[in-house]
Amino acid sequence: MQPPIDPTTLVTEIGSNWVTPTKLRPLFQDDPVVVWLEIHGAAFGFYPNQPEYGLTKILEPKGREFEAAWMARIAPEAQRVCVHAGEGRLAERVQETIRLMAQCVPVIAQPALWWPQEELYGVPDLIALASWVQEWLLTCLSTTISPSGANATIASPAPARVSDPGSIPTSRRTTGAATSAGQRPRPR
């Protein structure tokens, strides 16, 4: 099965003005000074700190370890496209991602994605078919670990689907905040 639109037939390489969604995060967090500093900071004498024991140097390796362990446990069948994020700039990796999507591969790890209209590219951790996610979630809901370490089966709720809050019946909507720490939100 061929996808209806193959963006790599329209764009074969990305320009220097393309950005990753991560670079746009400060704009969505209402902190545009981070973007300004990155672009213009050096011209005004502002340089990023490079501390020897910076938090990023600690968290990045731990994040990679966690991701590898999570993928090995939860989605060992995932097919990996990119080895590192820089490969997201390669049209061949986008073509491979599209090929795997057309084959309905349930889980694709590190896929290369381009959005030419917005000049965005990136390599998310994974993309998965909704059917895989639903099956995985139902499996998690139907089995839990008891305090003794033995598996205990619990009744699983009826499958739910993600929808916008406006489509949830009023009786099932919840208020935005819980009444105190650790409590679930109250129904309206």
Protein backbone atom coordinates (compact mmCIF):
# COMPACT_ATOMS: atom_id res chain seq x y z
CA MET A 1 0.00 0.00 0.00
CA GLN A 2 1.41 3.39 -1.00
CA PRO A 3 0.70 6.50 1.10
CA PRO A 4 -1.40 9.09 -0.77
CA ILE A 5 1.29 11.78 -0.43
CA ASP A 6 5.00 11.12 -0.18
CA PRO A 7 6.55 14.39 1.06
CA THR A 8 10.01 13.26 -0.01
CA THR A 9 8.92 13.43 -3.65
CA LEU A 10 8.32 17.14 -3.12
CA VAL A 11 11.29 17.95 -0.87
CA THR A 12 14.56 16.03 -1.03
CA GLU A 13 16.60 18.02 1.47
CA ILE A 14 15.92 20.42 4.27
CA GLY A 15 17.23 23.94 4.36
CA SER A 16 19.24 25.67 7.05
CA ASN A 17 16.12 27.53 8.14
CA TRP A 18 14.30 24.33 9.16
CA VAL A 19 14.00 23.76 12.91
CA THR A 20 13.05 20.99 15.27
CA PRO A 21 9.96 21.40 17.46
CA THR A 22 12.27 21.33 20.50
CA LYS A 23 13.78 24.63 19.36
CA LEU A 24 10.28 26.16 19.45
CA ARG A 25 9.55 25.05 23.03
CA PRO A 26 10.52 28.42 24.58
CA LEU A 27 7.95 30.17 22.37
CA PHE A 28 5.18 27.88 23.59
CA GLN A 29 6.37 28.27 27.17
CA ASP A 30 6.08 32.04 26.75
CA ASP A 31 9.86 32.49 27.12
CA PRO A 32 11.00 34.01 23.78
CA VAL A 33 14.19 35.44 25.31
CA VAL A 34 15.74 31.95 25.07
CA VAL A 35 15.28 32.03 21.28
CA TRP A 36 16.61 35.60 21.07
CA LEU A 37 19.69 34.69 23.12
CA GLU A 38 20.41 31.69 20.93
CA ILE A 39 20.23 33.77 17.75
CA HIS A 40 21.62 37.15 18.88
CA GLY A 41 23.17 36.56 22.32
CA ALA A 42 26.82 36.22 21.22
CA ALA A 43 26.68 39.57 19.41
CA PHE A 44 25.81 41.19 22.75
CA GLY A 45 28.24 39.21 24.89
CA PHE A 46 25.84 36.54 26.13
CA TYR A 47 27.14 32.97 25.92
CA PRO A 48 25.59 29.76 27.24
CA ASN A 49 26.98 28.35 30.46
CA GLN A 50 28.92 25.13 30.05
CA PRO A 51 29.16 23.91 33.64
CA GLU A 52 31.26 20.82 34.23
CA TYR A 53 28.50 19.25 36.31
CA GLY A 54 25.46 20.66 34.53
CA LEU A 55 22.07 19.02 34.91
CA THR A 56 21.92 18.21 31.20
CA LYS A 57 25.15 16.20 31.42
CA ILE A 58 23.56 14.13 34.17
CA LEU A 59 20.06 13.77 32.72
CA GLU A 60 20.82 13.02 29.06
CA PRO A 61 22.62 9.69 29.66
CA LYS A 62 19.96 8.69 32.20
CA GLY A 63 17.25 9.54 29.69
CA ARG A 64 18.91 7.36 27.04
CA GLU A 65 19.23 4.50 29.54
CA PHE A 66 15.57 4.83 30.50
CA GLU A 67 14.44 4.95 26.87
CA ALA A 68 16.48 1.83 25.98
CA ALA A 69 15.09 -0.09 28.97
CA TRP A 70 11.53 1.07 28.26
CA MET A 71 11.76 0.09 24.59
CA ALA A 72 13.26 -3.32 25.46
CA ARG A 73 10.47 -4.03 27.95
CA ILE A 74 7.42 -2.40 26.38
CA ALA A 75 8.09 -2.42 22.62
CA PRO A 76 10.86 -4.88 21.78
CA GLU A 77 9.27 -5.40 18.36
CA ALA A 78 9.77 -1.73 17.41
CA GLN A 79 11.65 -1.11 14.19
CA ARG A 80 14.25 1.65 14.56
CA VAL A 81 14.81 4.18 11.77
CA CYS A 82 17.39 6.67 13.09
CA VAL A 83 20.39 5.87 15.24
CA HIS A 84 20.85 9.52 16.26
CA ALA A 85 18.73 12.66 15.91
CA GLY A 86 20.94 14.13 13.18
CA GLU A 87 19.67 11.45 10.80
CA GLY A 88 16.29 13.19 10.86
CA ARG A 89 17.73 15.56 8.26
CA LEU A 90 18.16 12.71 5.73
CA ALA A 91 15.49 12.14 3.08
CA GLU A 92 16.33 8.40 3.06
CA ARG A 93 15.28 8.15 6.71
CA VAL A 94 12.00 9.93 6.00
CA GLN A 95 11.38 7.54 3.10
CA GLU A 96 12.10 4.57 5.37
CA THR A 97 9.67 5.93 7.98
CA ILE A 98 6.95 6.36 5.34
CA ARG A 99 7.61 2.84 4.02
CA LEU A 100 7.22 1.36 7.53
CA MET A 101 4.05 3.39 8.10
CA ALA A 102 2.61 2.14 4.79
CA GLN A 103 3.36 -1.43 5.94
CA CYS A 104 1.40 -0.71 9.15
CA VAL A 105 4.37 -1.57 11.37
CA PRO A 106 2.88 -1.34 14.90
CA VAL A 107 5.76 0.58 16.55
CA ILE A 108 8.46 2.63 14.83
CA ALA A 109 11.29 3.84 17.05
CA GLN A 110 13.18 7.05 16.25
CA PRO A 111 11.28 7.78 13.00
CA ALA A 112 12.39 10.69 10.82
CA LEU A 113 9.52 13.12 10.27
CA TRP A 114 9.38 16.22 8.08
CA TRP A 115 6.68 18.89 7.79
CA PRO A 116 7.82 20.85 4.73
CA GLN A 117 4.99 23.41 4.85
CA GLU A 118 6.21 24.59 8.26
CA GLU A 119 9.91 23.79 7.73
CA LEU A 120 9.95 21.46 10.74
CA TYR A 121 11.76 18.17 11.12
CA GLY A 122 12.39 15.85 13.99
CA VAL A 123 13.00 12.41 15.40
CA PRO A 124 10.42 11.53 18.07
CA ASP A 125 11.04 8.62 20.43
CA LEU A 126 8.41 6.50 18.70
CA ILE A 127 5.19 6.44 16.75
CA ALA A 128 2.69 3.64 17.21
CA LEU A 129 -0.53 2.43 15.68
CA ALA A 130 -3.57 3.25 17.80
CA SER A 131 -4.43 -0.46 17.88
CA TRP A 132 -1.02 -1.26 19.43
CA VAL A 133 -1.45 1.46 22.05
CA GLN A 134 -4.96 0.27 22.91
CA GLU A 135 -3.83 -3.35 23.22
CA TRP A 136 -0.86 -2.36 25.37
CA LEU A 137 -2.96 -0.15 27.67
CA LEU A 138 -5.63 -2.82 28.11
CA THR A 139 -2.92 -5.33 28.98
CA CYS A 140 -1.55 -2.93 31.58
CA LEU A 141 -5.00 -2.28 33.02
CA SER A 142 -5.89 -5.96 33.25
CA THR A 143 -2.71 -7.00 35.11
CA THR A 144 -1.11 -5.41 38.13
CA ILE A 145 1.60 -6.42 40.57
CA SER A 146 0.41 -7.25 44.07
CA PRO A 147 2.48 -6.21 47.11
CA SER A 148 3.80 -9.77 47.40
CA GLY A 149 5.11 -9.60 43.84
CA ALA A 150 2.64 -12.10 42.39
CA ASN A 151 0.50 -11.13 39.44
CA ALA A 152 -3.09 -10.36 40.30
CA THR A 153 -5.79 -9.91 37.70
CA ILE A 154 -8.21 -7.04 38.07
CA ALA A 155 -11.31 -6.26 36.10
CA SER A 156 -10.48 -4.07 33.15
CA PRO A 157 -12.74 -1.17 32.25
CA ALA A 158 -14.43 -0.99 28.89
CA PRO A 159 -12.06 0.30 26.21
CA ALA A 160 -12.01 4.08 26.12
CA ARG A 161 -11.04 6.30 23.26
CA VAL A 162 -9.30 9.61 23.33
CA SER A 163 -11.64 12.44 22.57
CA ASP A 164 -11.93 16.12 23.22
CA PRO A 165 -13.52 17.20 26.53
CA GLY A 166 -16.59 18.58 24.74
CA SER A 167 -17.63 15.07 23.68
CA ILE A 168 -17.55 13.64 27.22
CA PRO A 169 -21.00 13.52 28.84
CA THR A 170 -21.37 16.18 31.53
CA SER A 171 -21.82 13.54 34.23
CA ARG A 172 -18.32 12.17 33.49
CA ARG A 173 -16.44 15.48 33.25
CA THR A 174 -14.17 16.42 36.11
CA THR A 175 -13.10 19.71 37.54
CA GLY A 176 -9.62 20.90 36.67
CA ALA A 177 -8.05 20.56 40.10
CA ALA A 178 -8.23 18.03 42.87
CA THR A 179 -9.38 19.20 46.28
CA SER A 180 -6.12 18.20 47.95
CA ALA A 181 -2.88 16.50 47.06
CA GLY A 182 -3.28 12.89 46.01
CA GLN A 183 -7.06 13.05 45.47
CA ARG A 184 -8.69 12.49 42.13
CA PRO A 185 -10.62 15.37 40.53
CA ARG A 186 -14.30 15.48 41.45
CA PRO A 187 -17.04 14.97 38.83
CA ARG A 188 -18.91 18.17 38.00
